[in-house]
């Protein structure tokens, strides 16, 4: 699997996956939000790609001088710790490059205690307020 930062060419792929996390948006509205984030300096989308298919994404952005992991999604057939770790590490590197000292979890939409991804990210990875190395 490859993880890379999303760019303008990825807007539709990112928007379609992001709608799973934030379903109260239209595809058009989500695509506009994604485009604004991709073109800006204070946010980034990272894509998980396997065999030329986008299978997941992570959304990280600066808020009040700190980096927040706002969204994390992998298609159901690809949910494994290795892929989650690669997405989170890409976000941590971005946060480091932005000069922040922590990556804070902003995951709350669709991420509940019974969700295996939530449990892994928060309980096993320790991503409530994770110091960056």
N, C-alpha and C. Protein backbone atom coordinates (compact mmCIF):
# COMPACT_ATOMS: atom_id res chain seq x y z
N UNK A 1 0.83 -1.18 0.00
CA UNK A 1 0.00 0.00 0.00
C UNK A 1 0.88 1.24 0.00
N UNK A 2 0.42 2.25 -0.71
CA UNK A 2 1.11 3.54 -0.79
C UNK A 2 0.26 4.59 -0.10
N UNK A 3 0.90 5.48 0.63
CA UNK A 3 0.21 6.63 1.21
C UNK A 3 0.85 7.87 0.62
N UNK A 4 0.01 8.74 0.09
CA UNK A 4 0.52 10.00 -0.45
C UNK A 4 -0.47 11.11 -0.19
N UNK A 5 0.04 12.32 -0.22
CA UNK A 5 -0.80 13.49 0.01
C UNK A 5 -1.70 13.70 -1.20
N UNK A 6 -2.95 14.01 -0.93
CA UNK A 6 -3.90 14.26 -2.01
C UNK A 6 -3.60 15.57 -2.70
N UNK A 7 -3.94 15.61 -3.99
CA UNK A 7 -3.77 16.83 -4.77
C UNK A 7 -5.06 17.13 -5.53
N UNK A 8 -5.04 18.16 -6.34
CA UNK A 8 -6.24 18.62 -7.04
C UNK A 8 -6.85 17.50 -7.89
N UNK A 9 -6.03 16.64 -8.46
CA UNK A 9 -6.55 15.55 -9.29
C UNK A 9 -7.33 14.52 -8.47
N UNK A 10 -7.15 14.52 -7.16
CA UNK A 10 -7.78 13.54 -6.28
C UNK A 10 -9.09 14.03 -5.66
N UNK A 11 -9.53 15.21 -5.99
CA UNK A 11 -10.66 15.83 -5.30
C UNK A 11 -11.89 14.92 -5.30
N UNK A 12 -12.25 14.35 -6.43
CA UNK A 12 -13.46 13.53 -6.49
C UNK A 12 -13.30 12.25 -5.66
N UNK A 13 -12.15 11.58 -5.75
CA UNK A 13 -11.92 10.38 -4.94
C UNK A 13 -12.01 10.70 -3.45
N UNK A 14 -11.36 11.79 -3.05
CA UNK A 14 -11.37 12.18 -1.64
C UNK A 14 -12.79 12.54 -1.21
N UNK A 15 -13.49 13.31 -2.02
CA UNK A 15 -14.84 13.73 -1.67
C UNK A 15 -15.77 12.53 -1.50
N UNK A 16 -15.66 11.56 -2.38
CA UNK A 16 -16.52 10.38 -2.28
C UNK A 16 -16.27 9.61 -0.98
N UNK A 17 -15.01 9.44 -0.61
CA UNK A 17 -14.70 8.76 0.66
C UNK A 17 -15.08 9.62 1.85
N UNK A 18 -14.86 10.92 1.76
CA UNK A 18 -15.17 11.81 2.86
C UNK A 18 -16.67 11.83 3.15
N UNK A 19 -17.49 11.57 2.15
CA UNK A 19 -18.94 11.53 2.37
C UNK A 19 -19.34 10.40 3.31
N UNK A 20 -18.51 9.37 3.41
CA UNK A 20 -18.80 8.29 4.37
C UNK A 20 -18.66 8.83 5.79
N UNK A 21 -17.69 9.70 6.01
CA UNK A 21 -17.47 10.28 7.33
C UNK A 21 -18.43 11.42 7.64
N UNK A 22 -18.74 12.20 6.62
CA UNK A 22 -19.61 13.36 6.80
C UNK A 22 -20.76 13.30 5.78
N UNK A 23 -21.71 12.41 6.01
CA UNK A 23 -22.76 12.14 5.02
C UNK A 23 -23.80 13.26 4.86
N UNK A 24 -23.77 14.27 5.71
CA UNK A 24 -24.76 15.33 5.60
C UNK A 24 -24.40 16.39 4.56
N UNK A 25 -23.34 16.15 3.78
CA UNK A 25 -22.94 17.04 2.70
C UNK A 25 -23.35 16.44 1.35
N UNK A 26 -23.51 17.28 0.38
CA UNK A 26 -23.68 16.79 -0.99
C UNK A 26 -22.28 16.52 -1.56
N UNK A 27 -22.21 15.74 -2.62
CA UNK A 27 -20.92 15.48 -3.26
C UNK A 27 -20.30 16.79 -3.74
N UNK A 28 -21.10 17.66 -4.29
CA UNK A 28 -20.60 18.94 -4.78
C UNK A 28 -20.01 19.77 -3.65
N UNK A 29 -20.74 19.89 -2.55
CA UNK A 29 -20.25 20.67 -1.41
C UNK A 29 -18.99 20.06 -0.83
N UNK A 30 -18.96 18.73 -0.73
CA UNK A 30 -17.78 18.07 -0.20
C UNK A 30 -16.57 18.29 -1.12
N UNK A 31 -16.80 18.18 -2.41
CA UNK A 31 -15.70 18.40 -3.37
C UNK A 31 -15.13 19.81 -3.23
N UNK A 32 -15.99 20.79 -3.04
CA UNK A 32 -15.52 22.16 -2.85
C UNK A 32 -14.71 22.30 -1.56
N UNK A 33 -15.17 21.67 -0.48
CA UNK A 33 -14.43 21.69 0.79
C UNK A 33 -13.07 21.01 0.64
N UNK A 34 -13.06 19.87 -0.03
CA UNK A 34 -11.81 19.13 -0.24
C UNK A 34 -10.84 19.97 -1.07
N UNK A 35 -11.33 20.57 -2.13
CA UNK A 35 -10.48 21.39 -2.99
C UNK A 35 -9.87 22.55 -2.20
N UNK A 36 -10.68 23.20 -1.38
CA UNK A 36 -10.18 24.31 -0.56
C UNK A 36 -9.09 23.82 0.40
N UNK A 37 -9.30 22.66 1.01
CA UNK A 37 -8.30 22.11 1.94
C UNK A 37 -7.02 21.74 1.23
N UNK A 38 -7.16 21.11 0.07
CA UNK A 38 -5.98 20.67 -0.68
C UNK A 38 -5.16 21.86 -1.15
N UNK A 39 -5.82 22.92 -1.54
CA UNK A 39 -5.10 24.10 -2.05
C UNK A 39 -4.56 24.98 -0.92
N UNK A 40 -5.06 24.81 0.30
CA UNK A 40 -4.62 25.63 1.41
C UNK A 40 -3.36 25.11 2.07
N UNK A 41 -2.90 25.83 3.06
CA UNK A 41 -1.67 25.47 3.77
C UNK A 41 -1.94 24.85 5.14
N UNK A 42 -3.18 24.92 5.59
CA UNK A 42 -3.48 24.51 6.96
C UNK A 42 -4.19 23.17 7.07
N UNK A 43 -4.23 22.41 5.99
CA UNK A 43 -4.90 21.11 6.03
C UNK A 43 -4.32 20.22 4.94
N UNK A 44 -4.50 18.92 5.13
CA UNK A 44 -4.02 17.96 4.12
C UNK A 44 -4.87 16.70 4.19
N UNK A 45 -5.06 16.10 3.05
CA UNK A 45 -5.67 14.78 2.95
C UNK A 45 -4.57 13.82 2.52
N UNK A 46 -4.52 12.68 3.17
CA UNK A 46 -3.59 11.62 2.77
C UNK A 46 -4.42 10.44 2.29
N UNK A 47 -4.01 9.90 1.16
CA UNK A 47 -4.74 8.80 0.54
C UNK A 47 -3.98 7.50 0.72
N UNK A 48 -4.72 6.45 1.03
CA UNK A 48 -4.18 5.09 1.05
C UNK A 48 -4.56 4.47 -0.29
N UNK A 49 -3.55 4.03 -1.03
CA UNK A 49 -3.77 3.50 -2.37
C UNK A 49 -3.20 2.10 -2.47
N UNK A 50 -4.02 1.19 -2.96
CA UNK A 50 -3.61 -0.20 -3.13
C UNK A 50 -4.06 -0.66 -4.51
N UNK A 51 -3.11 -1.14 -5.29
CA UNK A 51 -3.41 -1.59 -6.66
C UNK A 51 -4.17 -0.53 -7.44
N UNK A 52 -3.71 0.71 -7.37
CA UNK A 52 -4.27 1.85 -8.10
C UNK A 52 -5.68 2.22 -7.65
N UNK A 53 -6.14 1.71 -6.50
CA UNK A 53 -7.46 2.05 -5.98
C UNK A 53 -7.29 2.81 -4.67
N UNK A 54 -8.01 3.91 -4.53
CA UNK A 54 -8.01 4.65 -3.28
C UNK A 54 -8.88 3.89 -2.29
N UNK A 55 -8.25 3.39 -1.23
CA UNK A 55 -8.97 2.55 -0.26
C UNK A 55 -9.21 3.26 1.07
N UNK A 56 -8.62 4.44 1.24
CA UNK A 56 -8.79 5.14 2.49
C UNK A 56 -8.23 6.53 2.47
N UNK A 57 -8.51 7.26 3.54
CA UNK A 57 -7.99 8.61 3.65
C UNK A 57 -7.84 9.02 5.10
N UNK A 58 -7.02 10.01 5.30
CA UNK A 58 -6.87 10.67 6.59
C UNK A 58 -6.90 12.17 6.31
N UNK A 59 -7.57 12.90 7.17
CA UNK A 59 -7.66 14.35 7.04
C UNK A 59 -7.09 14.98 8.29
N UNK A 60 -6.10 15.85 8.12
CA UNK A 60 -5.44 16.51 9.23
C UNK A 60 -5.43 18.01 8.95
N UNK A 61 -5.61 18.79 10.01
CA UNK A 61 -5.57 20.24 9.82
C UNK A 61 -5.09 20.95 11.08
N UNK A 62 -4.62 22.16 10.86
CA UNK A 62 -4.19 23.00 11.96
C UNK A 62 -5.40 23.72 12.53
N UNK A 63 -5.49 23.69 13.86
CA UNK A 63 -6.53 24.41 14.59
C UNK A 63 -5.88 25.00 15.82
N UNK A 64 -5.94 26.29 15.96
CA UNK A 64 -5.41 26.96 17.14
C UNK A 64 -3.96 26.56 17.43
N UNK A 65 -3.16 26.48 16.38
CA UNK A 65 -1.75 26.19 16.53
C UNK A 65 -1.39 24.74 16.78
N UNK A 66 -2.36 23.84 16.74
CA UNK A 66 -2.11 22.42 16.93
C UNK A 66 -2.63 21.63 15.73
N UNK A 67 -2.09 20.45 15.54
CA UNK A 67 -2.53 19.60 14.44
C UNK A 67 -3.57 18.60 14.95
N UNK A 68 -4.67 18.52 14.23
CA UNK A 68 -5.77 17.62 14.60
C UNK A 68 -6.03 16.62 13.49
N UNK A 69 -6.10 15.37 13.85
CA UNK A 69 -6.55 14.33 12.93
C UNK A 69 -8.07 14.38 12.96
N UNK A 70 -8.66 14.92 11.90
CA UNK A 70 -10.10 15.19 11.87
C UNK A 70 -10.90 14.04 11.26
N UNK A 71 -10.29 13.28 10.38
CA UNK A 71 -11.02 12.21 9.72
C UNK A 71 -10.08 11.07 9.35
N UNK A 72 -10.58 9.86 9.49
CA UNK A 72 -9.80 8.66 9.18
C UNK A 72 -10.76 7.61 8.68
N UNK A 73 -10.50 7.08 7.49
CA UNK A 73 -11.40 6.10 6.92
C UNK A 73 -10.63 5.12 6.04
N UNK A 74 -10.96 3.85 6.20
CA UNK A 74 -10.50 2.79 5.30
C UNK A 74 -11.73 1.99 4.90
N UNK A 75 -11.78 1.63 3.62
CA UNK A 75 -12.87 0.77 3.17
C UNK A 75 -12.85 -0.51 4.00
N UNK A 76 -14.02 -1.06 4.23
CA UNK A 76 -14.16 -2.17 5.19
C UNK A 76 -13.22 -3.34 4.91
N UNK A 77 -13.05 -3.71 3.66
CA UNK A 77 -12.20 -4.86 3.33
C UNK A 77 -10.72 -4.62 3.58
N UNK A 78 -10.34 -3.37 3.87
CA UNK A 78 -8.92 -3.03 4.02
C UNK A 78 -8.57 -2.51 5.41
N UNK A 79 -9.45 -2.67 6.35
CA UNK A 79 -9.20 -2.15 7.69
C UNK A 79 -8.26 -3.05 8.46
N UNK A 80 -7.02 -2.60 8.55
CA UNK A 80 -6.02 -3.33 9.32
C UNK A 80 -5.10 -2.31 9.98
N UNK A 81 -4.44 -2.73 11.03
CA UNK A 81 -3.57 -1.82 11.79
C UNK A 81 -2.45 -1.24 10.94
N UNK A 82 -1.89 -2.06 10.08
CA UNK A 82 -0.77 -1.58 9.26
C UNK A 82 -1.19 -0.39 8.41
N UNK A 83 -2.34 -0.48 7.76
CA UNK A 83 -2.80 0.61 6.91
C UNK A 83 -3.16 1.84 7.73
N UNK A 84 -3.81 1.63 8.88
CA UNK A 84 -4.13 2.76 9.76
C UNK A 84 -2.85 3.46 10.22
N UNK A 85 -1.87 2.68 10.63
CA UNK A 85 -0.61 3.25 11.10
C UNK A 85 0.06 4.08 10.01
N UNK A 86 0.04 3.60 8.79
CA UNK A 86 0.67 4.35 7.70
C UNK A 86 -0.02 5.68 7.47
N UNK A 87 -1.34 5.69 7.53
CA UNK A 87 -2.08 6.95 7.37
C UNK A 87 -1.78 7.90 8.52
N UNK A 88 -1.79 7.40 9.75
CA UNK A 88 -1.53 8.25 10.91
C UNK A 88 -0.09 8.77 10.88
N UNK A 89 0.84 7.95 10.49
CA UNK A 89 2.25 8.40 10.42
C UNK A 89 2.41 9.53 9.40
N UNK A 90 1.70 9.44 8.28
CA UNK A 90 1.76 10.52 7.28
C UNK A 90 1.24 11.82 7.91
N UNK A 91 0.17 11.72 8.70
CA UNK A 91 -0.38 12.90 9.37
C UNK A 91 0.60 13.43 10.41
N UNK A 92 1.25 12.55 11.14
CA UNK A 92 2.24 12.97 12.13
C UNK A 92 3.40 13.70 11.46
N UNK A 93 3.86 13.19 10.33
CA UNK A 93 4.96 13.85 9.63
C UNK A 93 4.53 15.24 9.17
N UNK A 94 3.34 15.36 8.63
CA UNK A 94 2.81 16.65 8.20
C UNK A 94 2.75 17.60 9.39
N UNK A 95 2.24 17.11 10.52
CA UNK A 95 2.14 17.93 11.73
C UNK A 95 3.52 18.41 12.18
N UNK A 96 4.49 17.51 12.11
CA UNK A 96 5.86 17.87 12.47
C UNK A 96 6.38 18.98 11.56
N UNK A 97 6.13 18.84 10.26
CA UNK A 97 6.58 19.83 9.29
C UNK A 97 5.92 21.18 9.53
N UNK A 98 4.73 21.17 10.11
CA UNK A 98 4.02 22.41 10.42
C UNK A 98 4.49 23.02 11.73
N UNK A 99 5.39 22.32 12.42
CA UNK A 99 5.96 22.86 13.65
C UNK A 99 5.12 22.63 14.89
N UNK A 100 4.12 21.77 14.81
CA UNK A 100 3.33 21.49 16.00
C UNK A 100 3.97 20.37 16.80
N UNK A 101 3.70 20.35 18.07
CA UNK A 101 4.33 19.39 18.97
C UNK A 101 3.47 18.15 19.22
N UNK A 102 2.19 18.22 18.87
CA UNK A 102 1.30 17.09 19.12
C UNK A 102 0.38 16.87 17.93
N UNK A 103 -0.10 15.65 17.81
CA UNK A 103 -1.18 15.33 16.89
C UNK A 103 -2.35 14.94 17.77
N UNK A 104 -3.39 15.73 17.72
CA UNK A 104 -4.54 15.55 18.60
C UNK A 104 -5.67 14.92 17.81
N UNK A 105 -6.37 14.01 18.44
CA UNK A 105 -7.49 13.38 17.77
C UNK A 105 -8.70 14.29 17.78
N UNK A 106 -9.19 14.57 16.59
CA UNK A 106 -10.45 15.28 16.44
C UNK A 106 -11.51 14.32 15.94
N UNK A 107 -11.24 13.01 16.06
CA UNK A 107 -12.15 12.00 15.55
C UNK A 107 -13.34 11.86 16.48
N UNK A 108 -14.48 12.20 15.97
CA UNK A 108 -15.69 11.98 16.75
C UNK A 108 -16.86 11.59 15.87
N UNK A 109 -16.84 11.98 14.61
CA UNK A 109 -17.92 11.64 13.71
C UNK A 109 -17.75 10.21 13.23
N UNK A 110 -18.68 9.37 13.57
CA UNK A 110 -18.64 7.99 13.11
C UNK A 110 -17.62 7.12 13.82
N UNK A 111 -16.95 7.67 14.81
CA UNK A 111 -15.94 6.90 15.53
C UNK A 111 -16.44 6.70 16.95
N UNK A 112 -16.97 5.53 17.24
CA UNK A 112 -17.53 5.26 18.55
C UNK A 112 -16.76 4.15 19.22
N UNK A 113 -16.96 4.01 20.50
CA UNK A 113 -16.21 3.03 21.30
C UNK A 113 -16.26 1.63 20.72
N UNK A 114 -17.37 1.22 20.11
CA UNK A 114 -17.48 -0.13 19.57
C UNK A 114 -16.81 -0.30 18.23
N UNK A 115 -16.38 0.78 17.63
CA UNK A 115 -15.75 0.74 16.32
C UNK A 115 -14.30 0.30 16.48
N UNK A 116 -13.87 -0.78 15.78
CA UNK A 116 -12.50 -1.26 15.93
C UNK A 116 -11.44 -0.21 15.57
N UNK A 117 -11.72 0.63 14.57
CA UNK A 117 -10.76 1.67 14.20
C UNK A 117 -10.64 2.68 15.33
N UNK A 118 -11.75 3.05 15.94
CA UNK A 118 -11.73 3.99 17.05
C UNK A 118 -10.91 3.42 18.20
N UNK A 119 -11.19 2.17 18.55
CA UNK A 119 -10.46 1.54 19.65
C UNK A 119 -8.97 1.53 19.37
N UNK A 120 -8.60 1.17 18.15
CA UNK A 120 -7.18 1.10 17.83
C UNK A 120 -6.54 2.48 17.90
N UNK A 121 -7.15 3.45 17.25
CA UNK A 121 -6.56 4.79 17.18
C UNK A 121 -6.45 5.42 18.56
N UNK A 122 -7.49 5.28 19.37
CA UNK A 122 -7.49 5.95 20.66
C UNK A 122 -6.87 5.13 21.79
N UNK A 123 -7.17 3.87 21.83
CA UNK A 123 -6.71 3.08 22.97
C UNK A 123 -5.33 2.48 22.72
N UNK A 124 -5.13 1.88 21.56
CA UNK A 124 -3.85 1.22 21.31
C UNK A 124 -2.80 2.19 20.79
N UNK A 125 -3.16 3.10 19.90
CA UNK A 125 -2.19 4.04 19.34
C UNK A 125 -1.96 5.19 20.31
N UNK A 126 -2.95 5.43 21.19
CA UNK A 126 -2.80 6.50 22.17
C UNK A 126 -3.01 7.89 21.60
N UNK A 127 -3.84 8.00 20.62
CA UNK A 127 -3.99 9.27 19.92
C UNK A 127 -5.10 10.12 20.52
N UNK A 128 -4.95 10.52 21.74
CA UNK A 128 -5.80 11.56 22.30
C UNK A 128 -5.05 12.87 22.22
N UNK A 129 -3.79 12.83 22.55
CA UNK A 129 -2.94 14.01 22.56
C UNK A 129 -1.51 13.49 22.44
N UNK A 130 -1.16 13.01 21.27
CA UNK A 130 0.07 12.25 21.06
C UNK A 130 1.25 13.20 20.79
N UNK A 131 2.27 13.20 21.66
CA UNK A 131 3.46 14.00 21.39
C UNK A 131 4.18 13.49 20.14
N UNK A 132 4.72 14.39 19.37
CA UNK A 132 5.46 14.01 18.16
C UNK A 132 6.93 13.92 18.48
N UNK A 133 7.58 12.97 17.85
CA UNK A 133 9.02 12.77 18.08
C UNK A 133 9.80 13.53 17.05
